[in-house]
């Protein structure tokens, strides 16, 4: 068989495989109880660097970051199509930001900024940045805030983009904000200690006022939360997928939704 014939054979097989996945995806979607879908989906989009090393070993890691960002935008579109109200995307942790070399972080920040700009430009999403903007370059923090402001009144899916985010840092910042708020009111510390309730802390989280995530997805085979949404995930359902994030397909998402819909949520009862 000639080289051209082999290429055509491979292309034909891939086309047939994609068709089968599409048919399967539509079948599972048709079987889903739309009333049982999550209102808030969060994702740890893990595996971008491993994907780059496997698929583009001679190119810089930013290739993987860009592939991951493209998939995140696609993922938000899938959620929007299904009427999912809130999506949270964890794109950069405080640990990654502090431990990674500058020559690796800078290209990643550029990819993240472009992704946020694209989400804001879509006109369908309300973009909110969750994390500590003080850890980011000032110019980037300013642009991210502008994207938030520009999309604040959009009617579509609410998209949280977790940048410079750490779960412990969020709890620290919530407590700091709570104490500062009460101090401004003149509240005595002893009185606050006696009256403090769970909801008082929740009101100062980065995601204050939003529903907690119903479903949290992590890709790349890792089965840990790494501090993601520590407070908000108390009653979340988890779904772990072996695929590296850039390889995460809509059919994988549909499977996650099917798994979620089949579970009985007990909320600790």
Foldseek 3Di string as FASTA:
>chain_A
DDPVVVVVVVVVVVVVVVVVLVVVLVVLVVVDDLVLFWLEEEEAQFFLQVCCCVPPVPDDSLVSLLLLLVLVVVVVVLCQVSQRAEYEYEQAELCNLVPDDPVNVVSNLVSVLVSLVVVLVVLAEQEAEAADCVSDPPVSSVSNVVSNVSNVPHDTHYYYYYHNDALVVQLVQLVVVLVVVCVVVVDDPVVCVVPDDPLSSLCRGSQHPDQQTQEYEYEQQDDDDRRPPVPRCQQHHYDYYNDNNSPDDVSNVSVSRVVSSPDDRDSVD
